[in-house]
Amino acid sequence: MASEYDVQRQGWRLECGDTCVLRHNGKSAECILIDISVSGVLVSCDDEMAENLLQGDICGLYLCADPHECPNVVECKVTRRDDTRIGLQFPTGM
């Protein structure tokens, strides 16, 4: 699953490239999990729903492509975003 370790920002980040699902206000978008750490994730989403996320928004994250296979959703807060990448903070860091 993981390819490399990278030391940046708040500790170790594990690069992934796996598919995940982001939910916000009843809508879902399939995204790519760029990297993950103990405090959050960086995802890449090219979707209209994801474009409307703002810093501070709370959204749900499924760490797989099919929410039926991994029914547990992780509540996250949007900490930053650019054209296609969204930084999400896990609840313990919120």
C-alpha atoms as a PDB file:
ATOM      1  CA  MET A   1       0.000   0.000   0.000  1.00  0.00           C
ATOM      2  CA  ALA A   2       2.690   2.504   0.907  1.00  0.00           C
ATOM      3  CA  SER A   3       5.569   3.550  -1.245  1.00  0.00           C
ATOM      4  CA  GLU A   4       7.764   5.948   0.751  1.00  0.00           C
ATOM      5  CA  TYR A   5       8.123   7.779   4.002  1.00  0.00           C
ATOM      6  CA  ASP A   6       8.486  11.531   3.968  1.00  0.00           C
ATOM      7  CA  VAL A   7       9.411  13.808   6.863  1.00  0.00           C
ATOM      8  CA  GLN A   8       7.562  17.105   6.496  1.00  0.00           C
ATOM      9  CA  ARG A   9       5.277  19.290   8.555  1.00  0.00           C
ATOM     10  CA  GLN A  10       4.021  17.388  11.643  1.00  0.00           C
ATOM     11  CA  GLY A  11       6.041  14.177  11.544  1.00  0.00           C
ATOM     12  CA  TRP A  12       6.030  11.162   9.268  1.00  0.00           C
ATOM     13  CA  ARG A  13       3.711  11.048   6.291  1.00  0.00           C
ATOM     14  CA  LEU A  14       3.022   7.833   4.429  1.00  0.00           C
ATOM     15  CA  GLU A  15       2.478   8.136   0.663  1.00  0.00           C
ATOM     16  CA  CYS A  16      -0.415   6.051  -0.637  1.00  0.00           C
ATOM     17  CA  GLY A  17      -2.122   6.655  -3.985  1.00  0.00           C
ATOM     18  CA  ASP A  18      -5.214   4.697  -2.895  1.00  0.00           C
ATOM     19  CA  THR A  19      -8.790   5.708  -3.669  1.00  0.00           C
ATOM     20  CA  CYS A  20     -10.942   7.184  -0.910  1.00  0.00           C
ATOM     21  CA  VAL A  21     -14.391   8.802  -0.721  1.00  0.00           C
ATOM     22  CA  LEU A  22     -15.014  12.288   0.656  1.00  0.00           C
ATOM     23  CA  ARG A  23     -18.534  13.247   1.841  1.00  0.00           C
ATOM     24  CA  HIS A  24     -19.872  16.730   2.535  1.00  0.00           C
ATOM     25  CA  ASN A  25     -23.461  17.966   2.849  1.00  0.00           C
ATOM     26  CA  GLY A  26     -24.906  14.674   1.563  1.00  0.00           C
ATOM     27  CA  LYS A  27     -22.712  14.548  -1.547  1.00  0.00           C
ATOM     28  CA  SER A  28     -19.742  12.261  -2.246  1.00  0.00           C
ATOM     29  CA  ALA A  29     -16.590  12.529  -4.340  1.00  0.00           C
ATOM     30  CA  GLU A  30     -14.044   9.859  -5.169  1.00  0.00           C
ATOM     31  CA  CYS A  31     -10.547  11.134  -4.376  1.00  0.00           C
ATOM     32  CA  ILE A  32      -6.971   9.899  -4.339  1.00  0.00           C
ATOM     33  CA  LEU A  33      -5.253   9.605  -0.971  1.00  0.00           C
ATOM     34  CA  ILE A  34      -1.906  11.326  -1.561  1.00  0.00           C
ATOM     35  CA  ASP A  35      -0.488  10.787   1.905  1.00  0.00           C
ATOM     36  CA  ILE A  36      -1.571  10.098   5.454  1.00  0.00           C
ATOM     37  CA  SER A  37      -0.133  10.866   8.889  1.00  0.00           C
ATOM     38  CA  VAL A  38      -1.287  10.545  12.496  1.00  0.00           C
ATOM     39  CA  SER A  39      -2.824  14.026  12.317  1.00  0.00           C
ATOM     40  CA  GLY A  40      -4.539  13.930   8.922  1.00  0.00           C
ATOM     41  CA  VAL A  41      -4.515  13.252   5.209  1.00  0.00           C
ATOM     42  CA  LEU A  42      -3.857  15.021   1.937  1.00  0.00           C
ATOM     43  CA  VAL A  43      -6.272  14.044  -0.832  1.00  0.00           C
ATOM     44  CA  SER A  44      -6.573  14.963  -4.484  1.00  0.00           C
ATOM     45  CA  CYS A  45     -10.120  15.539  -5.746  1.00  0.00           C
ATOM     46  CA  ASP A  46     -11.170  16.747  -9.152  1.00  0.00           C
ATOM     47  CA  ASP A  47     -14.879  17.110  -8.448  1.00  0.00           C
ATOM     48  CA  GLU A  48     -17.391  19.955  -8.223  1.00  0.00           C
ATOM     49  CA  MET A  49     -18.387  18.983  -4.673  1.00  0.00           C
ATOM     50  CA  ALA A  50     -14.764  19.121  -3.536  1.00  0.00           C
ATOM     51  CA  GLU A  51     -14.288  22.512  -5.197  1.00  0.00           C
ATOM     52  CA  ASN A  52     -16.936  23.952  -2.855  1.00  0.00           C
ATOM     53  CA  LEU A  53     -15.171  22.887   0.357  1.00  0.00           C
ATOM     54  CA  LEU A  54     -13.854  25.738   2.463  1.00  0.00           C
ATOM     55  CA  GLN A  55     -11.217  25.851   5.178  1.00  0.00           C
ATOM     56  CA  GLY A  56     -12.890  24.874   8.459  1.00  0.00           C
ATOM     57  CA  ASP A  57     -15.624  22.728   6.846  1.00  0.00           C
ATOM     58  CA  ILE A  58     -16.292  19.356   8.473  1.00  0.00           C
ATOM     59  CA  CYS A  59     -16.567  16.378   6.134  1.00  0.00           C
ATOM     60  CA  GLY A  60     -16.522  12.596   6.256  1.00  0.00           C
ATOM     61  CA  LEU A  61     -13.760  10.424   4.831  1.00  0.00           C
ATOM     62  CA  TYR A  62     -13.979   6.746   3.875  1.00  0.00           C
ATOM     63  CA  LEU A  63     -10.486   5.283   3.552  1.00  0.00           C
ATOM     64  CA  CYS A  64     -11.450   3.058   0.624  1.00  0.00           C
ATOM     65  CA  ALA A  65     -13.226   3.381  -2.729  1.00  0.00           C
ATOM     66  CA  ASP A  66     -16.409   1.603  -1.612  1.00  0.00           C
ATOM     67  CA  PRO A  67     -18.085   2.840   1.607  1.00  0.00           C
ATOM     68  CA  HIS A  68     -19.904  -0.523   1.854  1.00  0.00           C
ATOM     69  CA  GLU A  69     -16.555  -2.313   2.219  1.00  0.00           C
ATOM     70  CA  CYS A  70     -15.291   0.094   4.894  1.00  0.00           C
ATOM     71  CA  PRO A  71     -18.437   1.488   6.531  1.00  0.00           C
ATOM     72  CA  ASN A  72     -16.572   3.530   9.159  1.00  0.00           C
ATOM     73  CA  VAL A  73     -16.369   7.179   8.267  1.00  0.00           C
ATOM     74  CA  VAL A  74     -13.724   9.455   9.788  1.00  0.00           C
ATOM     75  CA  GLU A  75     -14.904  12.983  10.524  1.00  0.00           C
ATOM     76  CA  CYS A  76     -12.278  15.498   9.367  1.00  0.00           C
ATOM     77  CA  LYS A  77     -11.823  19.247   9.184  1.00  0.00           C
ATOM     78  CA  VAL A  78     -10.600  20.978   6.034  1.00  0.00           C
ATOM     79  CA  THR A  79      -7.358  22.743   6.975  1.00  0.00           C
ATOM     80  CA  ARG A  80      -6.174  23.855   3.540  1.00  0.00           C
ATOM     81  CA  ARG A  81      -6.896  23.447  -0.138  1.00  0.00           C
ATOM     82  CA  ASP A  82      -5.717  24.464  -3.578  1.00  0.00           C
ATOM     83  CA  ASP A  83      -7.021  23.664  -7.068  1.00  0.00           C
ATOM     84  CA  THR A  84      -7.170  19.882  -6.601  1.00  0.00           C
ATOM     85  CA  ARG A  85      -5.615  19.038  -3.213  1.00  0.00           C
ATOM     86  CA  ILE A  86      -7.366  19.168   0.145  1.00  0.00           C
ATOM     87  CA  GLY A  87      -5.679  18.896   3.554  1.00  0.00           C
ATOM     88  CA  LEU A  88      -7.888  17.189   6.168  1.00  0.00           C
ATOM     89  CA  GLN A  89      -7.235  17.044   9.898  1.00  0.00           C
ATOM     90  CA  PHE A  90      -8.322  14.009  11.947  1.00  0.00           C
ATOM     91  CA  PRO A  91     -10.515  14.538  15.044  1.00  0.00           C
ATOM     92  CA  THR A  92      -7.689  14.086  17.591  1.00  0.00           C
ATOM     93  CA  GLY A  93      -5.992  17.145  16.076  1.00  0.00           C
ATOM     94  CA  MET A  94      -9.196  19.160  15.718  1.00  0.00           C
END
